[in-house]
């Protein structure tokens, strides 16, 4: 039997709130998605002014981070021509994202979900996603 630890809706909302606070601070309205450990969407917010093109991208960043158990920015280098994961971004119907802004959520060394953020530059998306993680880090190790 497997025992699976996953984010609940309150934790998903806390991740979004932390990310939203940073997005508000840097004055970049974002799309913010949170998935469970399997990459299934738990919660989503499109801030007023968040780009419509960023809705699916934020969801797919969270999906990718949870699924591969790594940040999406870490996948960028290995996705380049000649590298071991070249072409990764075209797999799974294009859902695999290799642009910064997707982070796995860990608890006790296990991935329990993912957060994906989009609408800013890759660096801004990464910063906002990290703020979401930081907002709940006191609950997880």
N, C-alpha and C. Protein backbone atom coordinates (compact mmCIF):
# COMPACT_ATOMS: atom_id res chain seq x y z
N UNK A 1 0.84 -1.17 0.00
CA UNK A 1 0.00 0.00 0.00
C UNK A 1 0.89 1.24 0.00
N UNK A 2 0.50 2.23 -0.75
CA UNK A 2 1.21 3.51 -0.78
C UNK A 2 0.51 4.52 0.11
N UNK A 3 1.29 5.32 0.76
CA UNK A 3 0.76 6.46 1.50
C UNK A 3 1.24 7.69 0.77
N UNK A 4 0.31 8.50 0.32
CA UNK A 4 0.65 9.68 -0.48
C UNK A 4 0.35 10.93 0.32
N UNK A 5 1.33 11.80 0.38
CA UNK A 5 1.16 13.10 1.02
C UNK A 5 0.95 14.12 -0.08
N UNK A 6 -0.12 14.90 0.05
CA UNK A 6 -0.38 15.92 -0.96
C UNK A 6 -0.87 17.20 -0.31
N UNK A 7 -0.75 18.26 -1.05
CA UNK A 7 -1.24 19.56 -0.60
C UNK A 7 -2.76 19.52 -0.47
N UNK A 8 -3.28 20.24 0.51
CA UNK A 8 -4.73 20.40 0.57
C UNK A 8 -5.09 21.81 0.08
N UNK A 9 -6.36 22.10 0.00
CA UNK A 9 -6.81 23.37 -0.59
C UNK A 9 -6.32 24.58 0.22
N UNK A 10 -6.27 24.46 1.54
CA UNK A 10 -5.79 25.58 2.35
C UNK A 10 -4.32 25.86 2.09
N UNK A 11 -3.53 24.81 1.95
CA UNK A 11 -2.11 24.98 1.64
C UNK A 11 -1.93 25.58 0.24
N UNK A 12 -2.76 25.14 -0.69
CA UNK A 12 -2.70 25.69 -2.05
C UNK A 12 -3.02 27.18 -2.03
N UNK A 13 -4.02 27.55 -1.24
CA UNK A 13 -4.36 28.97 -1.14
C UNK A 13 -3.25 29.77 -0.47
N UNK A 14 -2.56 29.17 0.49
CA UNK A 14 -1.43 29.85 1.15
C UNK A 14 -0.28 30.06 0.17
N UNK A 15 -0.02 29.07 -0.68
CA UNK A 15 1.01 29.24 -1.72
C UNK A 15 0.64 30.39 -2.65
N UNK A 16 -0.61 30.42 -3.07
CA UNK A 16 -1.06 31.48 -3.96
C UNK A 16 -0.97 32.84 -3.28
N UNK A 17 -1.36 32.91 -2.02
CA UNK A 17 -1.31 34.18 -1.29
C UNK A 17 0.12 34.71 -1.19
N UNK A 18 1.07 33.83 -0.90
CA UNK A 18 2.47 34.25 -0.83
C UNK A 18 2.98 34.75 -2.17
N UNK A 19 2.61 34.04 -3.22
CA UNK A 19 3.02 34.45 -4.57
C UNK A 19 2.35 35.76 -4.95
N UNK A 20 1.06 35.88 -4.66
CA UNK A 20 0.33 37.11 -4.99
C UNK A 20 0.95 38.32 -4.28
N UNK A 21 1.34 38.15 -3.02
CA UNK A 21 1.94 39.26 -2.27
C UNK A 21 3.22 39.75 -2.96
N UNK A 22 4.05 38.82 -3.42
CA UNK A 22 5.29 39.21 -4.11
C UNK A 22 4.96 39.85 -5.45
N UNK A 23 4.01 39.31 -6.18
CA UNK A 23 3.63 39.88 -7.47
C UNK A 23 3.11 41.30 -7.29
N UNK A 24 2.34 41.52 -6.24
CA UNK A 24 1.83 42.86 -5.94
C UNK A 24 2.98 43.79 -5.60
N UNK A 25 3.93 43.30 -4.81
CA UNK A 25 5.10 44.10 -4.42
C UNK A 25 5.91 44.53 -5.64
N UNK A 26 6.11 43.63 -6.60
CA UNK A 26 6.91 43.98 -7.78
C UNK A 26 6.06 44.59 -8.90
N UNK A 27 4.76 44.71 -8.63
CA UNK A 27 3.81 45.34 -9.56
C UNK A 27 3.72 44.64 -10.90
N UNK A 28 3.68 43.29 -10.85
CA UNK A 28 3.49 42.48 -12.05
C UNK A 28 2.34 41.51 -11.77
N UNK A 29 1.15 41.76 -12.32
CA UNK A 29 0.04 40.84 -12.09
C UNK A 29 0.32 39.49 -12.76
N UNK A 30 0.09 38.42 -12.01
CA UNK A 30 0.48 37.08 -12.44
C UNK A 30 -0.70 36.12 -12.50
N UNK A 31 -0.48 35.04 -13.21
CA UNK A 31 -1.31 33.85 -13.16
C UNK A 31 -0.54 32.86 -12.28
N UNK A 32 -1.23 32.28 -11.30
CA UNK A 32 -0.58 31.42 -10.31
C UNK A 32 -1.37 30.12 -10.21
N UNK A 33 -0.69 29.00 -10.39
CA UNK A 33 -1.33 27.69 -10.34
C UNK A 33 -0.64 26.81 -9.30
N UNK A 34 -1.43 25.97 -8.65
CA UNK A 34 -0.91 25.00 -7.70
C UNK A 34 -1.49 23.63 -8.05
N UNK A 35 -0.59 22.64 -8.13
CA UNK A 35 -1.02 21.27 -8.43
C UNK A 35 -0.67 20.35 -7.26
N UNK A 36 -1.27 19.16 -7.30
CA UNK A 36 -0.89 18.13 -6.33
C UNK A 36 0.37 17.44 -6.82
N UNK A 37 0.79 16.39 -6.13
CA UNK A 37 2.04 15.69 -6.46
C UNK A 37 2.00 15.02 -7.83
N UNK A 38 0.82 14.80 -8.36
CA UNK A 38 0.67 14.18 -9.68
C UNK A 38 0.51 15.20 -10.80
N UNK A 39 0.55 16.46 -10.46
CA UNK A 39 0.42 17.51 -11.47
C UNK A 39 -1.01 17.91 -11.78
N UNK A 40 -1.96 17.44 -10.97
CA UNK A 40 -3.37 17.80 -11.17
C UNK A 40 -3.67 19.12 -10.47
N UNK A 41 -4.35 20.00 -11.16
CA UNK A 41 -4.64 21.34 -10.63
C UNK A 41 -5.47 21.28 -9.36
N UNK A 42 -5.01 22.01 -8.34
CA UNK A 42 -5.76 22.16 -7.09
C UNK A 42 -6.39 23.54 -7.04
N UNK A 43 -5.59 24.57 -7.34
CA UNK A 43 -6.08 25.95 -7.22
C UNK A 43 -5.38 26.83 -8.25
N UNK A 44 -6.08 27.88 -8.65
CA UNK A 44 -5.56 28.79 -9.66
C UNK A 44 -6.08 30.19 -9.39
N UNK A 45 -5.23 31.19 -9.66
CA UNK A 45 -5.67 32.58 -9.59
C UNK A 45 -5.05 33.36 -10.73
N UNK A 46 -5.87 34.10 -11.42
CA UNK A 46 -5.38 35.07 -12.39
C UNK A 46 -5.63 36.44 -11.78
N UNK A 47 -4.53 37.09 -11.40
CA UNK A 47 -4.66 38.42 -10.83
C UNK A 47 -5.20 39.36 -11.89
N UNK A 48 -5.88 40.41 -11.46
CA UNK A 48 -6.34 41.42 -12.40
C UNK A 48 -5.15 41.92 -13.20
N UNK A 49 -5.21 41.79 -14.51
CA UNK A 49 -4.11 42.20 -15.37
C UNK A 49 -3.19 41.07 -15.77
N UNK A 50 -3.37 39.89 -15.17
CA UNK A 50 -2.56 38.73 -15.57
C UNK A 50 -2.86 38.39 -17.02
N UNK A 51 -1.84 38.05 -17.77
CA UNK A 51 -1.99 37.80 -19.22
C UNK A 51 -2.80 36.53 -19.47
N UNK A 52 -3.71 36.61 -20.44
CA UNK A 52 -4.50 35.43 -20.77
C UNK A 52 -3.63 34.32 -21.35
N UNK A 53 -2.55 34.69 -22.00
CA UNK A 53 -1.64 33.68 -22.54
C UNK A 53 -0.86 32.96 -21.44
N UNK A 54 -0.91 33.49 -20.24
CA UNK A 54 -0.17 32.91 -19.13
C UNK A 54 -0.99 31.93 -18.30
N UNK A 55 -2.28 31.84 -18.56
CA UNK A 55 -3.14 30.94 -17.79
C UNK A 55 -2.64 29.50 -17.91
N UNK A 56 -2.62 28.98 -19.12
CA UNK A 56 -2.20 27.59 -19.31
C UNK A 56 -0.72 27.40 -19.01
N UNK A 57 0.07 28.42 -19.29
CA UNK A 57 1.51 28.32 -19.02
C UNK A 57 1.79 28.15 -17.53
N UNK A 58 1.08 28.89 -16.68
CA UNK A 58 1.26 28.75 -15.23
C UNK A 58 0.85 27.34 -14.78
N UNK A 59 -0.26 26.86 -15.29
CA UNK A 59 -0.72 25.51 -14.94
C UNK A 59 0.30 24.47 -15.38
N UNK A 60 0.82 24.63 -16.60
CA UNK A 60 1.80 23.67 -17.11
C UNK A 60 3.14 23.75 -16.40
N UNK A 61 3.52 24.93 -15.91
CA UNK A 61 4.74 25.04 -15.12
C UNK A 61 4.60 24.26 -13.81
N UNK A 62 3.46 24.39 -13.15
CA UNK A 62 3.22 23.65 -11.92
C UNK A 62 3.19 22.14 -12.20
N UNK A 63 2.53 21.75 -13.29
CA UNK A 63 2.47 20.34 -13.71
C UNK A 63 3.88 19.78 -13.93
N UNK A 64 4.70 20.53 -14.65
CA UNK A 64 6.06 20.09 -14.94
C UNK A 64 6.88 19.95 -13.67
N UNK A 65 6.85 20.96 -12.81
CA UNK A 65 7.65 20.94 -11.59
C UNK A 65 7.27 19.77 -10.69
N UNK A 66 5.97 19.52 -10.55
CA UNK A 66 5.53 18.39 -9.73
C UNK A 66 5.91 17.07 -10.39
N UNK A 67 5.72 16.99 -11.69
CA UNK A 67 5.94 15.74 -12.41
C UNK A 67 7.38 15.30 -12.48
N UNK A 68 8.28 16.25 -12.75
CA UNK A 68 9.71 15.89 -12.86
C UNK A 68 10.45 16.11 -11.55
N UNK A 69 9.75 16.69 -10.57
CA UNK A 69 10.31 16.91 -9.24
C UNK A 69 11.53 17.83 -9.26
N UNK A 70 11.49 18.78 -10.19
CA UNK A 70 12.56 19.78 -10.34
C UNK A 70 11.94 21.10 -10.75
N UNK A 71 12.72 22.16 -10.56
CA UNK A 71 12.26 23.47 -11.03
C UNK A 71 12.29 23.50 -12.55
N UNK A 72 11.41 24.28 -13.12
CA UNK A 72 11.37 24.37 -14.58
C UNK A 72 12.62 25.05 -15.13
N UNK A 73 13.19 25.98 -14.37
CA UNK A 73 14.40 26.64 -14.88
C UNK A 73 15.58 25.68 -14.95
N UNK A 74 15.59 24.65 -14.10
CA UNK A 74 16.66 23.65 -14.14
C UNK A 74 16.59 22.80 -15.40
N UNK A 75 15.42 22.74 -16.01
CA UNK A 75 15.25 21.94 -17.23
C UNK A 75 15.72 22.68 -18.49
N UNK A 76 15.84 23.99 -18.41
CA UNK A 76 16.19 24.78 -19.60
C UNK A 76 17.52 24.35 -20.20
N UNK A 77 18.54 24.17 -19.35
CA UNK A 77 19.87 23.83 -19.85
C UNK A 77 19.90 22.45 -20.49
N UNK A 78 19.25 21.48 -19.87
CA UNK A 78 19.29 20.11 -20.41
C UNK A 78 18.37 19.92 -21.60
N UNK A 79 17.57 20.93 -21.92
CA UNK A 79 16.67 20.87 -23.07
C UNK A 79 17.32 21.44 -24.33
N UNK A 80 18.53 21.94 -24.24
CA UNK A 80 19.22 22.54 -25.39
C UNK A 80 19.69 21.45 -26.36
N UNK A 81 19.85 21.80 -27.64
CA UNK A 81 20.34 20.82 -28.62
C UNK A 81 21.63 20.15 -28.15
N UNK A 82 21.68 18.84 -28.30
CA UNK A 82 22.84 18.07 -27.91
C UNK A 82 22.84 17.65 -26.45
N UNK A 83 21.90 18.16 -25.68
CA UNK A 83 21.84 17.81 -24.26
C UNK A 83 20.88 16.63 -24.05
N UNK A 84 20.97 15.96 -22.90
CA UNK A 84 20.22 14.72 -22.69
C UNK A 84 18.70 14.83 -22.77
N UNK A 85 18.14 15.99 -22.46
CA UNK A 85 16.69 16.13 -22.47
C UNK A 85 16.21 17.03 -23.61
N UNK A 86 17.02 17.17 -24.65
CA UNK A 86 16.59 18.00 -25.78
C UNK A 86 15.27 17.48 -26.33
N UNK A 87 14.34 18.39 -26.52
CA UNK A 87 13.02 18.03 -27.02
C UNK A 87 12.00 17.81 -25.92
N UNK A 88 12.44 17.89 -24.67
CA UNK A 88 11.54 17.68 -23.54
C UNK A 88 10.32 18.58 -23.61
N UNK A 89 10.54 19.83 -24.03
CA UNK A 89 9.44 20.80 -24.03
C UNK A 89 8.34 20.47 -25.05
N UNK A 90 8.60 19.55 -25.95
CA UNK A 90 7.55 19.19 -26.92
C UNK A 90 6.83 17.90 -26.54
N UNK A 91 7.16 17.33 -25.39
CA UNK A 91 6.51 16.09 -24.97
C UNK A 91 5.21 16.35 -24.22
N UNK A 92 4.46 15.31 -24.07
CA UNK A 92 3.17 15.37 -23.37
C UNK A 92 2.27 16.47 -23.92
N UNK A 93 2.20 16.54 -25.23
CA UNK A 93 1.34 17.53 -25.86
C UNK A 93 1.80 18.96 -25.66
N UNK A 94 3.08 19.13 -25.38
CA UNK A 94 3.63 20.47 -25.17
C UNK A 94 3.47 20.98 -23.75
N UNK A 95 3.03 20.14 -22.84
CA UNK A 95 2.81 20.57 -21.45
C UNK A 95 4.08 20.71 -20.64
N UNK A 96 5.17 20.10 -21.07
CA UNK A 96 6.42 20.19 -20.33
C UNK A 96 7.05 21.57 -20.59
N UNK A 97 7.24 22.33 -19.53
CA UNK A 97 7.72 23.70 -19.64
C UNK A 97 9.15 23.79 -19.11
N UNK A 98 10.01 24.44 -19.88
CA UNK A 98 11.41 24.60 -19.50
C UNK A 98 11.77 26.08 -19.32
N UNK A 99 10.79 26.86 -18.92
CA UNK A 99 10.96 28.28 -18.65
C UNK A 99 10.79 28.48 -17.15
N UNK A 100 11.60 29.33 -16.54
CA UNK A 100 11.53 29.58 -15.10
C UNK A 100 10.14 29.97 -14.65
N UNK A 101 9.81 29.59 -13.42
CA UNK A 101 8.52 29.96 -12.83
C UNK A 101 7.75 28.77 -12.29
N UNK A 102 8.29 27.57 -12.42
CA UNK A 102 7.66 26.38 -11.86
C UNK A 102 8.57 25.75 -10.82
N UNK A 103 8.03 25.49 -9.63
CA UNK A 103 8.81 24.90 -8.54
C UNK A 103 8.03 23.76 -7.89
N UNK A 104 8.74 22.69 -7.53
CA UNK A 104 8.07 21.64 -6.75
C UNK A 104 7.92 22.09 -5.31
N UNK A 105 6.90 21.58 -4.63
CA UNK A 105 6.69 21.84 -3.21
C UNK A 105 7.08 20.56 -2.48
N UNK A 106 8.00 20.69 -1.51
CA UNK A 106 8.52 19.53 -0.78
C UNK A 106 8.02 19.50 0.66
N UNK A 107 7.88 18.29 1.17
CA UNK A 107 7.63 18.06 2.60
C UNK A 107 8.33 16.77 2.97
N UNK A 108 9.17 16.82 4.00
CA UNK A 108 9.91 15.64 4.45
C UNK A 108 10.64 14.95 3.31
N UNK A 109 11.20 15.73 2.42
CA UNK A 109 11.98 15.17 1.32
C UNK A 109 11.17 14.64 0.15
N UNK A 110 9.85 14.75 0.21
CA UNK A 110 8.99 14.28 -0.86
C UNK A 110 8.34 15.46 -1.57
N UNK A 111 8.10 15.30 -2.87
CA UNK A 111 7.35 16.31 -3.62
C UNK A 111 5.87 16.07 -3.36
N UNK A 112 5.21 17.10 -2.84
CA UNK A 112 3.79 17.00 -2.52
C UNK A 112 2.92 17.89 -3.41
N UNK A 113 3.57 18.59 -4.35
CA UNK A 113 2.83 19.45 -5.25
C UNK A 113 3.76 20.32 -6.07
N UNK A 114 3.17 21.26 -6.78
CA UNK A 114 3.95 22.19 -7.58
C UNK A 114 3.26 23.54 -7.65
N UNK A 115 4.05 24.59 -7.85
CA UNK A 115 3.51 25.93 -8.07
C UNK A 115 4.07 26.43 -9.40
N UNK A 116 3.22 27.04 -10.19
CA UNK A 116 3.62 27.62 -11.45
C UNK A 116 3.13 29.04 -11.56
N UNK A 117 3.99 29.92 -12.04
CA UNK A 117 3.68 31.34 -12.14
C UNK A 117 4.08 31.84 -13.52
N UNK A 118 3.22 32.68 -14.10
CA UNK A 118 3.53 33.25 -15.41
C UNK A 118 2.86 34.60 -15.58
N UNK A 119 3.48 35.46 -16.33
CA UNK A 119 3.03 36.78 -16.79
C UNK A 119 4.15 37.79 -16.77
N UNK A 120 5.21 37.53 -16.02
CA UNK A 120 6.35 38.44 -15.99
C UNK A 120 7.49 37.88 -16.81
N UNK A 121 8.67 38.40 -16.57
CA UNK A 121 9.87 37.83 -17.18
C UNK A 121 10.13 36.49 -16.50
N UNK A 122 10.97 35.63 -17.08
CA UNK A 122 11.29 34.38 -16.38
C UNK A 122 11.83 34.62 -14.97
N UNK A 123 12.67 35.62 -14.79
CA UNK A 123 13.21 35.91 -13.45
C UNK A 123 12.11 36.35 -12.49
N UNK A 124 11.18 37.17 -12.96
CA UNK A 124 10.06 37.59 -12.11
C UNK A 124 9.15 36.42 -11.76
N UNK A 125 8.88 35.57 -12.75
CA UNK A 125 8.04 34.40 -12.49
C UNK A 125 8.69 33.52 -11.43
N UNK A 126 9.99 33.32 -11.54
CA UNK A 126 10.74 32.50 -10.58
C UNK A 126 10.68 33.11 -9.18
N UNK A 127 10.88 34.41 -9.10
CA UNK A 127 10.86 35.12 -7.82
C UNK A 127 9.49 35.00 -7.15
N UNK A 128 8.44 35.13 -7.92
CA UNK A 128 7.08 35.06 -7.37
C UNK A 128 6.76 33.62 -6.94
N UNK A 129 7.15 32.64 -7.73
CA UNK A 129 6.93 31.23 -7.35
C UNK A 129 7.68 30.93 -6.04
N UNK A 130 8.92 31.40 -5.94
CA UNK A 130 9.71 31.17 -4.73
C UNK A 130 9.05 31.83 -3.52
N UNK A 131 8.45 32.99 -3.71
CA UNK A 131 7.76 33.66 -2.61
C UNK A 131 6.58 32.82 -2.13
N UNK A 132 5.90 32.15 -3.04
CA UNK A 132 4.83 31.24 -2.65
C UNK A 132 5.37 30.11 -1.79
N UNK A 133 6.48 29.52 -2.22
CA UNK A 133 7.12 28.44 -1.46
C UNK A 133 7.56 28.96 -0.09
N UNK A 134 8.20 30.12 -0.07
CA UNK A 134 8.68 30.70 1.18
C UNK A 134 7.54 30.95 2.16
N UNK A 135 6.37 31.31 1.64
CA UNK A 135 5.22 31.61 2.51
C UNK A 135 4.73 30.39 3.28
N UNK A 136 4.97 29.21 2.74
CA UNK A 136 4.50 27.99 3.41
C UNK A 136 5.66 27.14 3.94
N UNK A 137 6.88 27.59 3.75
CA UNK A 137 8.04 26.77 4.12
C UNK A 137 8.10 26.46 5.60
N UNK A 138 7.49 27.27 6.43
CA UNK A 138 7.49 26.99 7.87
C UNK A 138 6.71 25.72 8.20
N UNK A 139 5.82 25.29 7.27
CA UNK A 139 5.04 24.09 7.49
C UNK A 139 5.74 22.83 7.00
N UNK A 140 6.76 23.00 6.11
CA UNK A 140 7.39 21.86 5.46
C UNK A 140 8.88 21.88 5.69
N UNK A 141 9.46 20.72 5.61
CA UNK A 141 10.92 20.63 5.72
C UNK A 141 11.52 20.23 4.41
